C-alpha atoms as a PDB file:
ATOM      1  CA  MET A   1      -0.323  -0.156  -0.242  1.00  0.00           C
ATOM      2  CA  LYS A   2       2.564   2.243   0.721  1.00  0.00           C
ATOM      3  CA  ARG A   3       4.738   1.738  -2.389  1.00  0.00           C
ATOM      4  CA  THR A   4       1.344   2.131  -4.276  1.00  0.00           C
ATOM      5  CA  LEU A   5       0.916   5.677  -2.367  1.00  0.00           C
ATOM      6  CA  LEU A   6       4.934   6.359  -3.062  1.00  0.00           C
ATOM      7  CA  ARG A   7       4.477   6.013  -6.687  1.00  0.00           C
ATOM      8  CA  ALA A   8       1.212   7.334  -7.652  1.00  0.00           C
ATOM      9  CA  ALA A   9       2.924  10.300  -5.471  1.00  0.00           C
ATOM     10  CA  ILE A  10       6.187  10.334  -7.898  1.00  0.00           C
ATOM     11  CA  PHE A  11       4.071  10.411 -10.830  1.00  0.00           C
ATOM     12  CA  VAL A  12       1.547  13.223  -9.516  1.00  0.00           C
ATOM     13  CA  ALA A  13       5.123  14.779  -8.624  1.00  0.00           C
ATOM     14  CA  VAL A  14       6.556  14.436 -11.915  1.00  0.00           C
ATOM     15  CA  LEU A  15       3.529  16.060 -13.866  1.00  0.00           C
ATOM     16  CA  LEU A  16       3.426  19.208 -11.698  1.00  0.00           C
ATOM     17  CA  VAL A  17       7.248  19.889 -12.932  1.00  0.00           C
ATOM     18  CA  ILE A  18       6.360  18.622 -16.430  1.00  0.00           C
ATOM     19  CA  TYR A  19       3.165  21.190 -16.182  1.00  0.00           C
ATOM     20  CA  GLY A  20       5.326  23.833 -14.529  1.00  0.00           C
ATOM     21  CA  LEU A  21       8.417  23.347 -17.517  1.00  0.00           C
ATOM     22  CA  GLY A  22       5.889  23.505 -19.770  1.00  0.00           C
ATOM     23  CA  VAL A  23       4.796  27.185 -18.674  1.00  0.00           C
ATOM     24  CA  ALA A  24       8.217  28.379 -18.719  1.00  0.00           C
ATOM     25  CA  CYS A  25       8.903  27.149 -21.907  1.00  0.00           C
ATOM     26  CA  GLU A  26       5.713  28.997 -23.561  1.00  0.00           C
ATOM     27  CA  ALA A  27       6.883  32.262 -21.588  1.00  0.00           C
ATOM     28  CA  GLY A  28      10.365  32.290 -22.310  1.00  0.00           C
ATOM     29  CA  PHE A  29      11.306  30.742 -25.364  1.00  0.00           C
ATOM     30  CA  THR A  30       9.868  32.439 -28.943  1.00  0.00           C
ATOM     31  CA  GLU A  31       7.877  30.123 -31.072  1.00  0.00           C
ATOM     32  CA  TYR A  32      10.859  28.582 -33.006  1.00  0.00           C
ATOM     33  CA  VAL A  33      12.459  27.450 -30.042  1.00  0.00           C
ATOM     34  CA  GLN A  34       9.399  25.644 -28.392  1.00  0.00           C
ATOM     35  CA  ARG A  35       9.520  23.974 -32.116  1.00  0.00           C
ATOM     36  CA  ILE A  36      12.769  22.439 -31.315  1.00  0.00           C
ATOM     37  CA  VAL A  37      11.601  21.746 -27.710  1.00  0.00           C
ATOM     38  CA  LEU A  38       8.915  19.861 -29.337  1.00  0.00           C
ATOM     39  CA  LEU A  39      10.378  17.970 -31.581  1.00  0.00           C
ATOM     40  CA  ALA A  40      13.418  17.323 -29.756  1.00  0.00           C
ATOM     41  CA  GLY A  41      10.775  15.325 -27.276  1.00  0.00           C
ATOM     42  CA  ILE A  42       8.652  13.217 -29.994  1.00  0.00           C
ATOM     43  CA  ASN A  43      13.199  12.853 -30.926  1.00  0.00           C
ATOM     44  CA  VAL A  44      12.974  11.152 -27.876  1.00  0.00           C
ATOM     45  CA  ILE A  45      10.336   8.657 -27.785  1.00  0.00           C
ATOM     46  CA  LEU A  46      11.469   7.910 -31.707  1.00  0.00           C
ATOM     47  CA  ALA A  47      14.574   6.653 -30.150  1.00  0.00           C
ATOM     48  CA  VAL A  48      13.983   5.454 -27.165  1.00  0.00           C
ATOM     49  CA  GLY A  49      11.520   3.068 -28.901  1.00  0.00           C
ATOM     50  CA  LEU A  50      14.114   2.190 -31.910  1.00  0.00           C
ATOM     51  CA  ASN A  51      16.590   1.492 -28.890  1.00  0.00           C
ATOM     52  CA  LEU A  52      14.709  -1.282 -27.668  1.00  0.00           C
ATOM     53  CA  ILE A  53      14.366  -3.626 -31.162  1.00  0.00           C
ATOM     54  CA  ASN A  54      18.349  -2.437 -32.328  1.00  0.00           C
ATOM     55  CA  GLY A  55      20.196  -2.212 -29.376  1.00  0.00           C
ATOM     56  CA  THR A  56      18.566  -4.086 -26.545  1.00  0.00           C
ATOM     57  CA  THR A  57      17.534  -6.944 -28.669  1.00  0.00           C
ATOM     58  CA  GLY A  58      19.756  -6.932 -31.590  1.00  0.00           C
ATOM     59  CA  GLN A  59      17.976  -6.665 -34.840  1.00  0.00           C
ATOM     60  CA  PHE A  60      18.194  -4.300 -37.052  1.00  0.00           C
ATOM     61  CA  SER A  61      15.374  -2.007 -38.616  1.00  0.00           C
ATOM     62  CA  ILE A  62      16.058   0.595 -41.269  1.00  0.00           C
ATOM     63  CA  GLY A  63      12.143   1.638 -41.618  1.00  0.00           C
ATOM     64  CA  HIS A  64      10.508   2.640 -38.608  1.00  0.00           C
ATOM     65  CA  ALA A  65       9.685   5.656 -40.795  1.00  0.00           C
ATOM     66  CA  GLY A  66       6.868   3.567 -41.707  1.00  0.00           C
ATOM     67  CA  PHE A  67       5.515   2.810 -37.675  1.00  0.00           C
ATOM     68  CA  MET A  68       5.470   6.457 -37.876  1.00  0.00           C
ATOM     69  CA  ALA A  69       3.302   7.079 -40.949  1.00  0.00           C
ATOM     70  CA  VAL A  70       0.952   4.908 -39.844  1.00  0.00           C
ATOM     71  CA  GLY A  71       0.483   6.182 -35.784  1.00  0.00           C
ATOM     72  CA  ALA A  72       0.678   9.677 -37.715  1.00  0.00           C
ATOM     73  CA  TYR A  73      -2.309   8.830 -40.098  1.00  0.00           C
ATOM     74  CA  GLY A  74      -4.178   6.726 -37.816  1.00  0.00           C
ATOM     75  CA  ALA A  75      -3.581   9.201 -34.644  1.00  0.00           C
ATOM     76  CA  ALA A  76      -5.060  12.201 -37.292  1.00  0.00           C
ATOM     77  CA  TYR A  77      -7.536  10.720 -38.902  1.00  0.00           C
ATOM     78  CA  VAL A  78      -9.263   8.902 -35.033  1.00  0.00           C
ATOM     79  CA  GLY A  79      -8.983  12.527 -33.742  1.00  0.00           C
ATOM     80  CA  VAL A  80     -10.625  13.906 -36.724  1.00  0.00           C
ATOM     81  CA  GLN A  81     -13.642  11.756 -36.183  1.00  0.00           C
ATOM     82  CA  LEU A  82     -13.819  11.294 -32.474  1.00  0.00           C
ATOM     83  CA  ALA A  83     -13.618  14.900 -31.757  1.00  0.00           C
ATOM     84  CA  PRO A  84     -16.730  15.843 -32.240  1.00  0.00           C
ATOM     85  CA  VAL A  85     -18.378  12.657 -30.254  1.00  0.00           C
ATOM     86  CA  ALA A  86     -16.031  13.811 -27.148  1.00  0.00           C
ATOM     87  CA  HIS A  87     -17.171  17.697 -27.231  1.00  0.00           C
ATOM     88  CA  ARG A  88     -21.390  16.448 -26.981  1.00  0.00           C
ATOM     89  CA  ALA A  89     -20.248  13.899 -23.982  1.00  0.00           C
ATOM     90  CA  LEU A  90     -17.783  16.061 -22.604  1.00  0.00           C
ATOM     91  CA  GLY A  91     -18.615  19.406 -23.679  1.00  0.00           C
ATOM     92  CA  THR A  92     -15.496  21.728 -25.563  1.00  0.00           C
ATOM     93  CA  GLY A  93     -13.486  22.094 -23.029  1.00  0.00           C
ATOM     94  CA  ALA A  94     -10.541  21.398 -22.112  1.00  0.00           C
ATOM     95  CA  VAL A  95     -10.980  17.582 -20.719  1.00  0.00           C
ATOM     96  CA  SER A  96     -12.832  16.756 -24.264  1.00  0.00           C
ATOM     97  CA  ASN A  97      -9.675  18.155 -26.091  1.00  0.00           C
ATOM     98  CA  ALA A  98      -7.302  15.872 -23.872  1.00  0.00           C
ATOM     99  CA  PHE A  99      -9.669  13.121 -23.815  1.00  0.00           C
ATOM    100  CA  SER A 100      -9.918  12.873 -28.009  1.00  0.00           C
ATOM    101  CA  PHE A 101      -6.721  13.389 -28.383  1.00  0.00           C
ATOM    102  CA  ASN A 102      -4.961  11.165 -26.198  1.00  0.00           C
ATOM    103  CA  LEU A 103      -7.550   8.657 -27.164  1.00  0.00           C
ATOM    104  CA  ALA A 104      -6.106   9.692 -30.607  1.00  0.00           C
ATOM    105  CA  LEU A 105      -2.526   8.449 -29.618  1.00  0.00           C
ATOM    106  CA  LEU A 106      -3.697   5.296 -28.001  1.00  0.00           C
ATOM    107  CA  ALA A 107      -5.864   4.158 -31.767  1.00  0.00           C
ATOM    108  CA  GLY A 108      -2.267   5.517 -33.678  1.00  0.00           C
ATOM    109  CA  ALA A 109      -0.043   3.567 -31.245  1.00  0.00           C
ATOM    110  CA  LEU A 110      -2.548   0.393 -32.065  1.00  0.00           C
ATOM    111  CA  PHE A 111      -2.587   0.347 -35.770  1.00  0.00           C
ATOM    112  CA  ALA A 112       1.291   1.068 -35.364  1.00  0.00           C
ATOM    113  CA  GLY A 113       2.172  -2.080 -33.575  1.00  0.00           C
ATOM    114  CA  LEU A 114      -0.379  -3.757 -35.527  1.00  0.00           C
ATOM    115  CA  SER A 115       1.840  -3.544 -38.494  1.00  0.00           C
ATOM    116  CA  GLY A 116       4.405  -4.188 -36.009  1.00  0.00           C
ATOM    117  CA  LEU A 117       3.536  -6.997 -35.314  1.00  0.00           C
ATOM    118  CA  ILE A 118       2.797  -8.104 -39.047  1.00  0.00           C
ATOM    119  CA  VAL A 119       6.195  -7.394 -40.113  1.00  0.00           C
ATOM    120  CA  GLY A 120       7.755  -8.884 -37.516  1.00  0.00           C
ATOM    121  CA  LEU A 121       6.079 -12.388 -37.339  1.00  0.00           C
ATOM    122  CA  PRO A 122       7.435 -13.707 -40.893  1.00  0.00           C
ATOM    123  CA  SER A 123      10.749 -11.915 -40.901  1.00  0.00           C
ATOM    124  CA  LEU A 124      12.502 -11.821 -37.362  1.00  0.00           C
ATOM    125  CA  ARG A 125      12.160 -16.112 -37.410  1.00  0.00           C
ATOM    126  CA  LEU A 126      14.538 -15.517 -39.590  1.00  0.00           C
ATOM    127  CA  ARG A 127      18.222 -14.276 -38.750  1.00  0.00           C
ATOM    128  CA  GLY A 128      20.628 -12.245 -39.870  1.00  0.00           C
ATOM    129  CA  ASP A 129      19.504  -9.182 -42.165  1.00  0.00           C
ATOM    130  CA  TYR A 130      16.218  -9.982 -43.228  1.00  0.00           C
ATOM    131  CA  LEU A 131      14.191  -7.620 -40.534  1.00  0.00           C
ATOM    132  CA  ALA A 132      16.110  -4.945 -42.137  1.00  0.00           C
ATOM    133  CA  VAL A 133      15.308  -5.450 -45.831  1.00  0.00           C
ATOM    134  CA  VAL A 134      11.719  -5.992 -44.508  1.00  0.00           C
ATOM    135  CA  THR A 135      11.368  -2.867 -42.978  1.00  0.00           C
ATOM    136  CA  LEU A 136      12.849  -0.909 -45.102  1.00  0.00           C
ATOM    137  CA  GLY A 137      10.245  -2.779 -47.416  1.00  0.00           C
ATOM    138  CA  PHE A 138       7.676  -1.536 -45.593  1.00  0.00           C
ATOM    139  CA  GLY A 139       8.915   1.886 -45.157  1.00  0.00           C
ATOM    140  CA  GLU A 140       8.380   2.884 -49.210  1.00  0.00           C
ATOM    141  CA  ILE A 141       5.273   0.722 -49.017  1.00  0.00           C
ATOM    142  CA  ILE A 142       3.668   2.335 -46.863  1.00  0.00           C
ATOM    143  CA  ARG A 143       5.025   6.096 -47.294  1.00  0.00           C
ATOM    144  CA  ILE A 144       3.359   5.108 -51.468  1.00  0.00           C
ATOM    145  CA  LEU A 145       0.201   4.399 -50.718  1.00  0.00           C
ATOM    146  CA  PHE A 146      -0.563   7.175 -48.456  1.00  0.00           C
ATOM    147  CA  ASN A 147       1.024   8.632 -51.044  1.00  0.00           C
ATOM    148  CA  ASN A 148      -2.052   8.120 -53.045  1.00  0.00           C
ATOM    149  CA  ALA A 149      -4.959   7.411 -50.401  1.00  0.00           C
ATOM    150  CA  THR A 150      -7.558  10.013 -51.499  1.00  0.00           C
ATOM    151  CA  PHE A 151      -9.650  10.210 -48.682  1.00  0.00           C
ATOM    152  CA  LEU A 152      -6.410  10.732 -46.159  1.00  0.00           C
ATOM    153  CA  GLY A 153      -5.543  13.375 -48.820  1.00  0.00           C
ATOM    154  CA  ALA A 154      -3.059  11.637 -51.207  1.00  0.00           C
ATOM    155  CA  ALA A 155      -0.071  13.223 -52.022  1.00  0.00           C
ATOM    156  CA  THR A 156      -1.015  16.855 -49.893  1.00  0.00           C
ATOM    157  CA  GLY A 157      -1.791  15.199 -47.442  1.00  0.00           C
ATOM    158  CA  TYR A 158      -4.256  15.034 -44.256  1.00  0.00           C
ATOM    159  CA  PHE A 159      -4.724  18.115 -42.986  1.00  0.00           C
ATOM    160  CA  GLY A 160      -8.693  16.544 -41.328  1.00  0.00           C
ATOM    161  CA  ASP A 161     -11.598  18.793 -41.771  1.00  0.00           C
ATOM    162  CA  ASP A 162     -10.329  22.216 -40.338  1.00  0.00           C
ATOM    163  CA  PRO A 163      -9.595  24.587 -42.956  1.00  0.00           C
ATOM    164  CA  SER A 164      -6.716  25.625 -40.936  1.00  0.00           C
ATOM    165  CA  GLY A 165      -5.128  21.907 -39.918  1.00  0.00           C
ATOM    166  CA  LEU A 166      -5.748  19.603 -36.683  1.00  0.00           C
ATOM    167  CA  PRO A 167      -5.752  21.119 -33.483  1.00  0.00           C
ATOM    168  CA  ALA A 168      -2.331  22.512 -31.438  1.00  0.00           C
ATOM    169  CA  TYR A 169      -2.735  19.144 -28.993  1.00  0.00           C
ATOM    170  CA  THR A 170       1.112  18.629 -28.740  1.00  0.00           C
ATOM    171  CA  THR A 171       2.228  21.354 -26.328  1.00  0.00           C
ATOM    172  CA  PHE A 172       5.178  20.436 -23.966  1.00  0.00           C
ATOM    173  CA  PHE A 173       3.256  19.192 -21.074  1.00  0.00           C
ATOM    174  CA  TRP A 174       1.231  16.384 -23.590  1.00  0.00           C
ATOM    175  CA  VAL A 175       4.911  15.418 -25.670  1.00  0.00           C
ATOM    176  CA  TYR A 176       6.970  15.253 -22.422  1.00  0.00           C
ATOM    177  CA  ALA A 177       4.651  13.302 -20.377  1.00  0.00           C
ATOM    178  CA  TRP A 178       4.160  10.326 -23.082  1.00  0.00           C
ATOM    179  CA  VAL A 179       8.299  11.055 -23.022  1.00  0.00           C
ATOM    180  CA  ALA A 180       8.128  10.452 -19.227  1.00  0.00           C
ATOM    181  CA  LEU A 181       5.674   7.543 -19.803  1.00  0.00           C
ATOM    182  CA  ILE A 182       7.676   5.103 -22.356  1.00  0.00           C
ATOM    183  CA  VAL A 183      10.998   5.842 -20.925  1.00  0.00           C
ATOM    184  CA  VAL A 184       9.834   4.862 -17.480  1.00  0.00           C
ATOM    185  CA  LEU A 185       8.345   1.481 -19.410  1.00  0.00           C
ATOM    186  CA  ILE A 186      11.056   0.472 -21.938  1.00  0.00           C
ATOM    187  CA  HIS A 187      13.197   1.085 -18.708  1.00  0.00           C
ATOM    188  CA  ASN A 188      11.290  -1.263 -16.630  1.00  0.00           C
ATOM    189  CA  LEU A 189      11.406  -3.841 -19.527  1.00  0.00           C
ATOM    190  CA  THR A 190      14.776  -3.542 -20.193  1.00  0.00           C
ATOM    191  CA  PHE A 191      15.746  -4.191 -16.447  1.00  0.00           C
ATOM    192  CA  SER A 192      13.115  -6.689 -16.392  1.00  0.00           C
ATOM    193  CA  GLN A 193      13.229 -10.903 -16.593  1.00  0.00           C
ATOM    194  CA  THR A 194      12.373 -10.088 -20.547  1.00  0.00           C
ATOM    195  CA  GLY A 195      14.857  -7.215 -20.733  1.00  0.00           C
ATOM    196  CA  ARG A 196      17.281  -9.581 -19.262  1.00  0.00           C
ATOM    197  CA  SER A 197      16.323 -11.823 -21.815  1.00  0.00           C
ATOM    198  CA  LEU A 198      15.754  -9.824 -24.549  1.00  0.00           C
ATOM    199  CA  THR A 199      19.857  -9.152 -24.188  1.00  0.00           C
ATOM    200  CA  ALA A 200      21.072 -12.527 -24.470  1.00  0.00           C
ATOM    201  CA  ILE A 201      19.192 -12.820 -27.688  1.00  0.00           C
ATOM    202  CA  ARG A 202      21.615 -10.005 -29.108  1.00  0.00           C
ATOM    203  CA  GLU A 203      24.231 -11.410 -27.458  1.00  0.00           C
ATOM    204  CA  ASP A 204      24.160 -14.947 -28.298  1.00  0.00           C
ATOM    205  CA  GLU A 205      20.396 -16.366 -30.277  1.00  0.00           C
ATOM    206  CA  ILE A 206      22.024 -19.912 -30.922  1.00  0.00           C
ATOM    207  CA  ALA A 207      23.255 -19.858 -27.106  1.00  0.00           C
ATOM    208  CA  ALA A 208      19.576 -18.307 -25.715  1.00  0.00           C
ATOM    209  CA  GLU A 209      17.256 -20.819 -27.528  1.00  0.00           C
ATOM    210  CA  ALA A 210      19.731 -23.745 -25.941  1.00  0.00           C
ATOM    211  CA  MET A 211      18.226 -22.187 -22.586  1.00  0.00           C
ATOM    212  CA  ALA A 212      14.871 -22.132 -23.613  1.00  0.00           C
ATOM    213  CA  THR A 213      14.574 -18.992 -24.461  1.00  0.00           C
ATOM    214  CA  PRO A 214      11.485 -18.098 -26.483  1.00  0.00           C
ATOM    215  CA  THR A 215      13.625 -16.251 -29.258  1.00  0.00           C
ATOM    216  CA  THR A 216      11.159 -15.962 -31.517  1.00  0.00           C
ATOM    217  CA  ARG A 217       8.018 -14.546 -29.440  1.00  0.00           C
ATOM    218  CA  LEU A 218      10.516 -11.862 -27.382  1.00  0.00           C
ATOM    219  CA  LYS A 219      12.003 -10.078 -30.303  1.00  0.00           C
ATOM    220  CA  VAL A 220       7.841  -9.844 -32.963  1.00  0.00           C
ATOM    221  CA  THR A 221       6.814  -8.427 -28.403  1.00  0.00           C
ATOM    222  CA  ALA A 222       9.912  -5.955 -28.616  1.00  0.00           C
ATOM    223  CA  PHE A 223       9.368  -5.117 -32.373  1.00  0.00           C
ATOM    224  CA  ALA A 224       5.454  -4.237 -31.887  1.00  0.00           C
ATOM    225  CA  ILE A 225       6.124  -2.617 -28.688  1.00  0.00           C
ATOM    226  CA  SER A 226       9.395  -0.331 -30.460  1.00  0.00           C
ATOM    227  CA  ALA A 227       6.545   0.014 -33.285  1.00  0.00           C
ATOM    228  CA  ALA A 228       3.611   1.740 -31.091  1.00  0.00           C
ATOM    229  CA  THR A 229       6.141   3.924 -29.529  1.00  0.00           C
ATOM    230  CA  ALA A 230       6.755   5.343 -33.129  1.00  0.00           C
ATOM    231  CA  GLY A 231       2.922   5.394 -33.591  1.00  0.00           C
ATOM    232  CA  ILE A 232       2.670   7.772 -30.798  1.00  0.00           C
ATOM    233  CA  ALA A 233       5.718  10.243 -32.248  1.00  0.00           C
ATOM    234  CA  GLY A 234       4.742  10.367 -35.233  1.00  0.00           C
ATOM    235  CA  GLY A 235       0.484  11.250 -33.807  1.00  0.00           C
ATOM    236  CA  LEU A 236       2.132  14.303 -32.252  1.00  0.00           C
ATOM    237  CA  PHE A 237       4.031  15.095 -34.749  1.00  0.00           C
ATOM    238  CA  ALA A 238       1.153  15.036 -36.779  1.00  0.00           C
ATOM    239  CA  HIS A 239      -0.713  17.208 -34.345  1.00  0.00           C
ATOM    240  CA  MET A 240       2.316  19.172 -33.899  1.00  0.00           C
ATOM    241  CA  GLN A 241       3.139  19.816 -37.667  1.00  0.00           C
ATOM    242  CA  ALA A 242      -1.482  20.861 -38.170  1.00  0.00           C
ATOM    243  CA  GLY A 243      -1.254  18.036 -40.591  1.00  0.00           C
ATOM    244  CA  VAL A 244       0.922  15.130 -41.888  1.00  0.00           C
ATOM    245  CA  ARG A 245       1.780  14.956 -45.701  1.00  0.00           C
ATOM    246  CA  PRO A 246       3.278  11.297 -46.779  1.00  0.00           C
ATOM    247  CA  GLU A 247       6.706  13.178 -47.344  1.00  0.00           C
ATOM    248  CA  ASP A 248       7.381  13.527 -43.861  1.00  0.00           C
ATOM    249  CA  PHE A 249       8.492  10.207 -44.226  1.00  0.00           C
ATOM    250  CA  ARG A 250      10.843   9.517 -46.785  1.00  0.00           C
ATOM    251  CA  PHE A 251      13.451   6.827 -45.859  1.00  0.00           C
ATOM    252  CA  GLU A 252      16.037   9.939 -44.180  1.00  0.00           C
ATOM    253  CA  LYS A 253      13.568   9.972 -41.571  1.00  0.00           C
ATOM    254  CA  SER A 254      14.276   6.515 -40.596  1.00  0.00           C
ATOM    255  CA  ILE A 255      17.876   7.355 -40.946  1.00  0.00           C
ATOM    256  CA  ASP A 256      17.524  10.349 -38.206  1.00  0.00           C
ATOM    257  CA  MET A 257      16.404   7.332 -36.137  1.00  0.00           C
ATOM    258  CA  ILE A 258      19.006   5.223 -36.613  1.00  0.00           C
ATOM    259  CA  VAL A 259      21.600   7.761 -36.425  1.00  0.00           C
ATOM    260  CA  MET A 260      20.043   9.066 -32.608  1.00  0.00           C
ATOM    261  CA  ILE A 261      20.578   5.447 -31.054  1.00  0.00           C
ATOM    262  CA  ILE A 262      23.993   5.159 -32.564  1.00  0.00           C
ATOM    263  CA  VAL A 263      25.423   8.619 -31.231  1.00  0.00           C
ATOM    264  CA  GLY A 264      23.994   8.085 -28.142  1.00  0.00           C
ATOM    265  CA  GLY A 265      25.661   4.875 -27.574  1.00  0.00           C
ATOM    266  CA  LEU A 266      23.194   1.402 -28.832  1.00  0.00           C
ATOM    267  CA  GLY A 267      21.437  -0.274 -25.802  1.00  0.00           C
ATOM    268  CA  SER A 268      21.395   2.755 -23.466  1.00  0.00           C
ATOM    269  CA  ILE A 269      18.611   4.306 -22.600  1.00  0.00           C
ATOM    270  CA  SER A 270      20.206   7.350 -21.521  1.00  0.00           C
ATOM    271  CA  GLY A 271      22.570   7.498 -25.217  1.00  0.00           C
ATOM    272  CA  ALA A 272      18.570   7.152 -27.292  1.00  0.00           C
ATOM    273  CA  ILE A 273      17.035  10.374 -25.064  1.00  0.00           C
ATOM    274  CA  LEU A 274      20.563  11.878 -26.090  1.00  0.00           C
ATOM    275  CA  GLY A 275      20.914  10.715 -29.166  1.00  0.00           C
ATOM    276  CA  GLY A 276      17.288  12.335 -29.746  1.00  0.00           C
ATOM    277  CA  ILE A 277      17.893  15.563 -28.496  1.00  0.00           C
ATOM    278  CA  PHE A 278      21.341  15.725 -30.234  1.00  0.00           C
ATOM    279  CA  VAL A 279      19.829  15.054 -33.520  1.00  0.00           C
ATOM    280  CA  ALA A 280      16.724  17.524 -32.819  1.00  0.00           C
ATOM    281  CA  VAL A 281      19.003  20.312 -32.442  1.00  0.00           C
ATOM    282  CA  SER A 282      22.070  20.037 -34.391  1.00  0.00           C
ATOM    283  CA  LEU A 283      20.074  20.057 -37.326  1.00  0.00           C
ATOM    284  CA  GLU A 284      17.682  22.313 -36.470  1.00  0.00           C
ATOM    285  CA  LEU A 285      20.875  25.082 -35.558  1.00  0.00           C
ATOM    286  CA  MET A 286      22.182  24.310 -39.241  1.00  0.00           C
ATOM    287  CA  ARG A 287      19.429  25.242 -40.738  1.00  0.00           C
ATOM    288  CA  ASP A 288      20.028  28.748 -41.763  1.00  0.00           C
ATOM    289  CA  LEU A 289      22.826  26.939 -43.670  1.00  0.00           C
ATOM    290  CA  GLN A 290      21.169  25.597 -46.194  1.00  0.00           C
ATOM    291  CA  GLN A 291      23.002  22.987 -49.445  1.00  0.00           C
ATOM    292  CA  TYR A 292      25.945  23.237 -47.390  1.00  0.00           C
ATOM    293  CA  ARG A 293      23.748  21.820 -44.124  1.00  0.00           C
ATOM    294  CA  LEU A 294      23.260  17.873 -44.729  1.00  0.00           C
ATOM    295  CA  VAL A 295      27.218  17.875 -45.642  1.00  0.00           C
ATOM    296  CA  LEU A 296      28.636  20.254 -42.139  1.00  0.00           C
ATOM    297  CA  TYR A 297      26.308  17.342 -40.308  1.00  0.00           C
ATOM    298  CA  ALA A 298      27.346  14.586 -41.851  1.00  0.00           C
ATOM    299  CA  LEU A 299      31.232  15.668 -40.724  1.00  0.00           C
ATOM    300  CA  LEU A 300      29.784  16.649 -37.324  1.00  0.00           C
ATOM    301  CA  LEU A 301      28.128  12.758 -37.301  1.00  0.00           C
ATOM    302  CA  ILE A 302      32.009  11.167 -38.733  1.00  0.00           C
ATOM    303  CA  VAL A 303      33.410  13.148 -36.155  1.00  0.00           C
ATOM    304  CA  ILE A 304      32.240  11.670 -33.739  1.00  0.00           C
ATOM    305  CA  MET A 305      31.838   8.099 -34.624  1.00  0.00           C
ATOM    306  CA  ILE A 306      36.263   8.705 -35.180  1.00  0.00           C
ATOM    307  CA  VAL A 307      36.147  10.506 -31.774  1.00  0.00           C
ATOM    308  CA  ARG A 308      33.590   7.834 -29.857  1.00  0.00           C
ATOM    309  CA  PRO A 309      33.062   4.915 -31.989  1.00  0.00           C
ATOM    310  CA  GLN A 310      30.571   3.189 -29.199  1.00  0.00           C
ATOM    311  CA  GLY A 311      28.626   6.271 -28.887  1.00  0.00           C
ATOM    312  CA  LEU A 312      28.767   9.020 -26.472  1.00  0.00           C
ATOM    313  CA  LEU A 313      27.516   6.140 -23.652  1.00  0.00           C
ATOM    314  CA  GLY A 314      28.102   2.871 -25.272  1.00  0.00           C
ATOM    315  CA  ARG A 315      26.101   0.359 -23.122  1.00  0.00           C
ATOM    316  CA  ARG A 316      25.879   2.519 -20.187  1.00  0.00           C
ATOM    317  CA  GLU A 317      23.227   3.817 -17.869  1.00  0.00           C
ATOM    318  CA  LEU A 318      23.843   8.152 -16.675  1.00  0.00           C
ATOM    319  CA  TYR A 319      23.223   7.185 -13.539  1.00  0.00           C
ATOM    320  CA  GLN A 320      25.677   4.214 -13.455  1.00  0.00           C
ATOM    321  CA  LEU A 321      28.291   6.162 -14.604  1.00  0.00           C
ATOM    322  CA  PHE A 322      27.176   8.957 -11.812  1.00  0.00           C
ATOM    323  CA  ARG A 323      27.545   5.355  -8.856  1.00  0.00           C
ATOM    324  CA  LYS A 324      31.128   5.106 -10.689  1.00  0.00           C
ATOM    325  CA  ARG A 325      32.363   7.893  -9.510  1.00  0.00           C
ATOM    326  CA  LYS A 326      30.714   8.888  -6.810  1.00  0.00           C
ATOM    327  CA  ALA A 327      32.178   5.011  -5.743  1.00  0.00           C
ATOM    328  CA  GLY A 328      35.201   6.062  -6.983  1.00  0.00           C
ATOM    329  CA  SER A 329      35.495   9.612  -5.304  1.00  0.00           C
ATOM    330  CA  GLY A 330      34.718   7.353  -1.831  1.00  0.00           C
ATOM    331  CA  LEU A 331      37.485   5.019  -2.600  1.00  0.00           C
ATOM    332  CA  GLU A 332      39.986   8.402  -3.086  1.00  0.00           C
ATOM    333  CA  SER A 333      38.854   9.723   0.172  1.00  0.00           C
ATOM    334  CA  SER A 334      39.411   6.757   2.383  1.00  0.00           C
ATOM    335  CA  ARG A 335      43.179   6.578   0.538  1.00  0.00           C
END
């Protein structure tokens, strides 16, 4: 009982802190800086989710933009259809908006998770680079399908029934509330018995099977969860942009996700967070450089890979580094 109350108190405290930071962000930053902050949060969700399958499980997916697209279109469409129902039932206030928005995000996550299940079931039974090829093809197929789906706006994109586009529900509070929730869920999964089994699959899948680990089931489960988190990020991105277009989910978007987890360190949740923030901030800071932007971005990545080939944190977490430093300083003081 005490533990439940403590967790509830921590949950409320985190939400209050996020709300306070959101108010400070809106008061102290320009709209442009606020947009970068929101993009950083969305990138963190993408990176932490992709790290579960690429880093923890050791499978290589290079088409995760497809799952983000499924979540974005699914959340946008469901949100537009659901909003009038929520307004009739709960009124036109903040409660009904929050209800319809978050329910739409969950619908987008469900669609993306089911897509991950459909893609993962046949491909994850195989070993090697098959998953990379399958996800690459899936990402391009999904983009082309949305590009030709007339009821979703085809190539011009889906912006809902309102001429002004989708409602601007993607605020600092909702983005970082979802960031906190997903990071906690992925962290608990990674450091659970299931997470240790996923790590065993990464290290040696044959040995894991010999120890009666259900490798295929665990890989498919991890892949579906990773796809669902990409769907959440896609829904937040769609409402931040006031609409969604097929061109937002080109192959380059999948590459950006891979860069996030490689820069931060494959297998590290803290590293995925740092990598997501790094990609969002560095790309925006170089935006004024126009045609030199991507060249300098590539050079920056090359320098990072030369200096830190294992990523910023490797497979370690930030709190593990702090513990080691604290232990080291304690030993020195005892001497």
